């Protein structure tokens, strides 16, 4: 009888850090479901890349900012688990989807704040809650924070504060879900060269140099620096890591 691969669901897994994590997870022999908000073609390309690594994959549409859609989304997850993976439940949830926002505290608009809350806190909170009935015992949750929850750079007050909220939530999840053997950890990337926040870190030479100069390893992070750590948390080797914040920043602002 064939053994069932473990299955990971990663939100926002079609590009950037999420895609890198999805590929690194797949390289460990774990099947992957990625979600995308609007770029279906990117997601389908990612699925094809994952399949080339010898595991199964699927892509589903999800808007993490709209909690009213989560019930319908998990109905779709259940049918995808059955039809694509021949499974009832999955093993790892990676709450990766997110957007950047840059505004000084004094100039942050209510609607922008509400949108950030929905994407970076309310979304992951209720996606995880609604995933619980179809998470296997012994499963793992990986949340995503940011170095901006530890150090402060002007313009990230709402974003950084919400990542701080996710760090506290991670501990509560670990405490309350431990009875089912479910672990919850959070990784905090430093500044990374992606198209996040309009590609600012990647494309703004001055910003890139400033960050590199403040990083012990002397350069800005790349997606490839992050995905493998997320993938490691989805392995048996990480079974005793729980309620931890792991910063992956090369030693930024030490």
Protein backbone atom coordinates (compact mmCIF):
# COMPACT_ATOMS: atom_id res chain seq x y z
CA UNK A 1 0.00 0.00 0.00
CA UNK A 2 1.31 3.44 -0.93
CA UNK A 3 2.03 5.71 1.99
CA UNK A 4 0.18 9.00 1.91
CA UNK A 5 2.40 12.07 1.48
CA UNK A 6 1.85 14.77 4.04
CA UNK A 7 0.05 17.81 2.63
CA UNK A 8 0.76 21.52 3.19
CA UNK A 9 -1.59 24.43 2.44
CA UNK A 10 0.20 27.72 1.87
CA UNK A 11 -1.71 30.96 1.38
CA UNK A 12 -0.27 33.33 -1.20
CA UNK A 13 1.89 30.53 -2.54
CA UNK A 14 1.96 31.51 -6.19
CA UNK A 15 4.83 34.03 -6.07
CA UNK A 16 7.53 35.64 -3.93
CA UNK A 17 8.33 34.15 -0.54
CA UNK A 18 5.24 31.92 -0.66
CA UNK A 19 6.30 30.32 -3.92
CA UNK A 20 9.82 29.75 -2.66
CA UNK A 21 8.46 28.11 0.51
CA UNK A 22 6.05 25.99 -1.55
CA UNK A 23 8.92 24.67 -3.70
CA UNK A 24 11.14 24.01 -0.68
CA UNK A 25 8.28 22.16 1.05
CA UNK A 26 7.66 20.10 -2.09
CA UNK A 27 11.37 19.22 -2.25
CA UNK A 28 10.88 17.50 1.13
CA UNK A 29 8.30 15.14 -0.40
CA UNK A 30 5.25 17.01 0.88
CA UNK A 31 2.23 17.60 -1.38
CA UNK A 32 1.20 21.26 -1.65
CA UNK A 33 -1.96 23.32 -2.07
CA UNK A 34 -1.20 26.95 -2.92
CA UNK A 35 -3.71 29.77 -2.84
CA UNK A 36 -3.71 32.88 -5.00
CA UNK A 37 -5.86 35.99 -4.94
CA UNK A 38 -6.08 37.00 -8.59
CA UNK A 39 -3.09 35.68 -10.56
CA UNK A 40 -4.39 32.26 -11.54
CA UNK A 41 -1.77 31.76 -14.23
CA UNK A 42 1.09 32.34 -11.76
CA UNK A 43 -0.49 29.82 -9.41
CA UNK A 44 -0.90 27.21 -12.15
CA UNK A 45 2.74 27.70 -13.20
CA UNK A 46 3.78 27.18 -9.57
CA UNK A 47 1.72 23.97 -9.44
CA UNK A 48 3.54 22.69 -12.53
CA UNK A 49 6.93 23.51 -10.97
CA UNK A 50 5.94 21.68 -7.78
CA UNK A 51 4.82 18.61 -9.73
CA UNK A 52 8.23 18.46 -11.42
CA UNK A 53 9.66 17.81 -7.95
CA UNK A 54 7.70 14.55 -7.84
CA UNK A 55 4.82 15.48 -5.55
CA UNK A 56 1.20 16.41 -6.13
CA UNK A 57 -0.11 19.98 -6.08
CA UNK A 58 -3.21 22.11 -6.60
CA UNK A 59 -4.08 25.82 -6.65
CA UNK A 60 -7.20 27.42 -5.14
CA UNK A 61 -8.43 31.01 -5.17
CA UNK A 62 -8.65 32.75 -1.78
CA UNK A 63 -9.02 36.35 -0.68
CA UNK A 64 -7.58 36.32 2.85
CA UNK A 65 -9.02 39.78 3.51
CA UNK A 66 -12.62 38.52 3.29
CA UNK A 67 -13.52 36.22 6.20
CA UNK A 68 -17.04 35.72 4.81
CA UNK A 69 -15.55 33.52 2.06
CA UNK A 70 -13.62 31.14 4.33
CA UNK A 71 -16.41 28.55 4.78
CA UNK A 72 -16.80 28.21 1.01
CA UNK A 73 -13.02 28.06 0.63
CA UNK A 74 -12.69 25.16 3.07
CA UNK A 75 -15.52 23.32 1.35
CA UNK A 76 -13.36 23.59 -1.76
CA UNK A 77 -10.26 22.49 0.16
CA UNK A 78 -12.10 19.36 1.35
CA UNK A 79 -13.19 18.40 -2.16
CA UNK A 80 -9.67 19.10 -3.51
CA UNK A 81 -8.11 16.95 -0.78
CA UNK A 82 -10.39 14.10 -1.84
CA UNK A 83 -10.19 14.46 -5.63
CA UNK A 84 -6.51 15.44 -6.05
CA UNK A 85 -4.78 13.93 -3.02
CA UNK A 86 -7.13 11.10 -1.98
CA UNK A 87 -7.06 12.50 1.56
CA UNK A 88 -9.53 13.75 4.14
CA UNK A 89 -7.21 16.07 6.06
CA UNK A 90 -3.95 17.97 5.69
CA UNK A 91 -0.86 18.44 7.85
CA UNK A 92 0.66 21.91 7.59
CA UNK A 93 -0.92 25.36 7.31
CA UNK A 94 1.36 28.24 6.30
CA UNK A 95 -0.31 31.64 6.72
CA UNK A 96 1.87 33.49 4.23
CA UNK A 97 -0.41 35.74 2.14
CA UNK A 98 0.14 39.43 2.75
CA UNK A 99 0.60 42.89 1.33
CA UNK A 100 2.86 45.75 2.29
CA UNK A 101 1.78 49.20 3.33
CA UNK A 102 3.86 52.30 3.94
CA UNK A 103 2.42 55.28 5.79
CA UNK A 104 3.56 57.28 8.79
CA UNK A 105 1.51 56.70 11.95
CA UNK A 106 0.11 60.24 11.81
CA UNK A 107 -1.04 59.72 8.21
CA UNK A 108 -2.46 56.16 8.31
CA UNK A 109 -6.02 56.10 6.98
CA UNK A 110 -8.78 54.09 8.69
CA UNK A 111 -9.61 52.14 5.51
CA UNK A 112 -5.96 51.16 4.99
CA UNK A 113 -5.70 50.11 8.63
CA UNK A 114 -8.85 47.97 8.38
CA UNK A 115 -7.55 46.32 5.23
CA UNK A 116 -4.24 45.48 6.92
CA UNK A 117 -6.08 44.03 9.94
CA UNK A 118 -8.16 41.83 7.64
CA UNK A 119 -5.15 40.56 5.69
CA UNK A 120 -2.52 40.22 8.41
CA UNK A 121 -4.47 39.31 11.53
CA UNK A 122 -8.18 38.59 11.14
CA UNK A 123 -7.55 36.52 7.99
CA UNK A 124 -4.91 34.19 9.47
CA UNK A 125 -6.83 34.01 12.77
CA UNK A 126 -10.03 32.68 11.18
CA UNK A 127 -8.40 30.70 8.36
CA UNK A 128 -6.55 28.74 11.03
CA UNK A 129 -9.68 28.36 13.15
CA UNK A 130 -11.67 27.04 10.20
CA UNK A 131 -8.83 24.70 9.17
CA UNK A 132 -8.81 22.91 12.55
CA UNK A 133 -11.45 20.26 11.72
CA UNK A 134 -9.40 19.09 8.72
CA UNK A 135 -5.93 19.39 10.25
CA UNK A 136 -4.44 16.04 11.25
CA UNK A 137 -3.40 15.48 14.84
CA UNK A 138 0.31 16.27 15.04
CA UNK A 139 -0.04 18.99 12.39
CA UNK A 140 1.99 22.19 12.19
CA UNK A 141 1.02 25.84 11.77
CA UNK A 142 3.59 28.32 10.45
CA UNK A 143 2.69 31.99 10.71
CA UNK A 144 4.67 34.82 9.12
CA UNK A 145 5.84 37.88 11.03
CA UNK A 146 8.46 40.47 10.12
CA UNK A 147 11.60 41.98 11.57
CA UNK A 148 9.41 45.10 11.81
CA UNK A 149 7.76 43.60 14.90
CA UNK A 150 11.17 43.71 16.66
CA UNK A 151 12.69 46.94 15.30
CA UNK A 152 10.92 50.09 14.15
CA UNK A 153 11.27 51.84 10.81
CA UNK A 154 9.06 54.89 10.17
CA UNK A 155 6.07 54.06 7.98
CA UNK A 156 5.36 50.53 9.21
CA UNK A 157 3.42 51.16 12.43
CA UNK A 158 0.20 49.36 11.45
CA UNK A 159 1.96 46.52 9.61
CA UNK A 160 4.54 45.99 12.36
CA UNK A 161 1.93 46.10 15.14
CA UNK A 162 -0.20 43.49 13.38
CA UNK A 163 2.81 41.22 12.94
CA UNK A 164 3.34 41.64 16.69
CA UNK A 165 -0.25 40.51 17.19
CA UNK A 166 0.48 37.40 15.10
CA UNK A 167 3.48 36.63 17.31
CA UNK A 168 1.29 36.68 20.43
CA UNK A 169 -1.43 34.65 18.69
CA UNK A 170 1.14 31.99 17.77
CA UNK A 171 1.82 31.33 21.46
CA UNK A 172 -1.89 31.01 22.22
CA UNK A 173 -2.35 28.60 19.33
CA UNK A 174 0.57 26.48 20.57
CA UNK A 175 -0.89 26.42 24.10
CA UNK A 176 -4.48 25.65 23.12
CA UNK A 177 -3.84 23.22 20.26
CA UNK A 178 -1.10 21.25 21.96
CA UNK A 179 -3.60 18.64 23.14
CA UNK A 180 -4.01 17.59 19.50
CA UNK A 181 -0.24 17.56 19.02
CA UNK A 182 -0.48 20.65 16.80
CA UNK A 183 2.57 22.94 16.88
CA UNK A 184 2.46 26.63 16.00
CA UNK A 185 5.56 28.68 15.16
CA UNK A 186 6.21 32.00 13.46
CA UNK A 187 9.03 33.05 11.18
CA UNK A 188 10.06 36.69 10.84
CA UNK A 189 11.90 37.56 7.62
CA UNK A 190 14.02 40.68 7.50
CA UNK A 191 14.04 42.84 4.38
CA UNK A 192 13.82 40.62 1.29
CA UNK A 193 14.25 41.31 -2.43
CA UNK A 194 10.80 40.49 -3.86
CA UNK A 195 7.99 42.43 -5.55
CA UNK A 196 6.53 42.99 -2.03
CA UNK A 197 5.71 46.64 -1.33
CA UNK A 198 6.18 47.50 -5.00
CA UNK A 199 9.63 45.87 -5.07
CA UNK A 200 11.05 48.66 -2.85
CA UNK A 201 13.83 46.61 -1.24
CA UNK A 202 14.84 45.03 -4.54
CA UNK A 203 14.64 48.06 -6.82
CA UNK A 204 15.55 51.03 -4.62
CA UNK A 205 19.36 50.99 -4.63
CA UNK A 206 19.66 53.43 -1.74
CA UNK A 207 17.29 51.37 0.44
CA UNK A 208 19.07 48.15 -0.55
CA UNK A 209 22.47 49.56 0.46
CA UNK A 210 21.13 50.98 3.74
CA UNK A 211 19.67 47.59 4.75
CA UNK A 212 22.80 45.69 3.69
CA UNK A 213 24.92 48.05 5.82
CA UNK A 214 22.72 47.33 8.87
CA UNK A 215 22.81 43.54 8.40
CA UNK A 216 25.56 41.48 10.03
CA UNK A 217 25.94 39.28 6.93
CA UNK A 218 26.30 42.38 4.75
CA UNK A 219 23.53 41.94 2.20
CA UNK A 220 19.75 42.05 1.77
CA UNK A 221 17.78 38.81 2.06
CA UNK A 222 16.52 36.75 -0.89
CA UNK A 223 13.42 34.52 -1.07
CA UNK A 224 15.76 31.54 -1.15
CA UNK A 225 16.99 32.48 2.33
CA UNK A 226 13.51 32.06 3.80
CA UNK A 227 11.63 29.21 2.14
CA UNK A 228 13.88 26.46 3.47
CA UNK A 229 13.25 27.50 7.08
CA UNK A 230 9.48 27.34 6.54
CA UNK A 231 9.95 23.91 4.93
CA UNK A 232 12.10 22.71 7.85
CA UNK A 233 9.25 23.56 10.25
CA UNK A 234 7.10 21.16 8.20
CA UNK A 235 9.39 18.19 8.90
CA UNK A 236 9.78 15.59 11.62
CA UNK A 237 13.14 17.18 12.56
CA UNK A 238 11.20 20.23 13.83
CA UNK A 239 8.70 18.20 15.90
CA UNK A 240 9.84 19.66 19.24
CA UNK A 241 9.93 23.30 18.11
CA UNK A 242 6.77 24.99 19.34
CA UNK A 243 5.58 28.55 20.10
CA UNK A 244 8.84 29.99 18.74
CA UNK A 245 9.60 33.14 16.78
CA UNK A 246 12.42 32.45 14.35
CA UNK A 247 13.86 35.59 12.78
CA UNK A 248 15.47 35.08 9.37
CA UNK A 249 17.17 38.40 8.71
CA UNK A 250 20.90 37.70 8.46
CA UNK A 251 21.33 39.67 11.67
CA UNK A 252 19.55 42.92 10.89
CA UNK A 253 19.80 45.85 13.35
CA UNK A 254 21.60 43.82 16.02
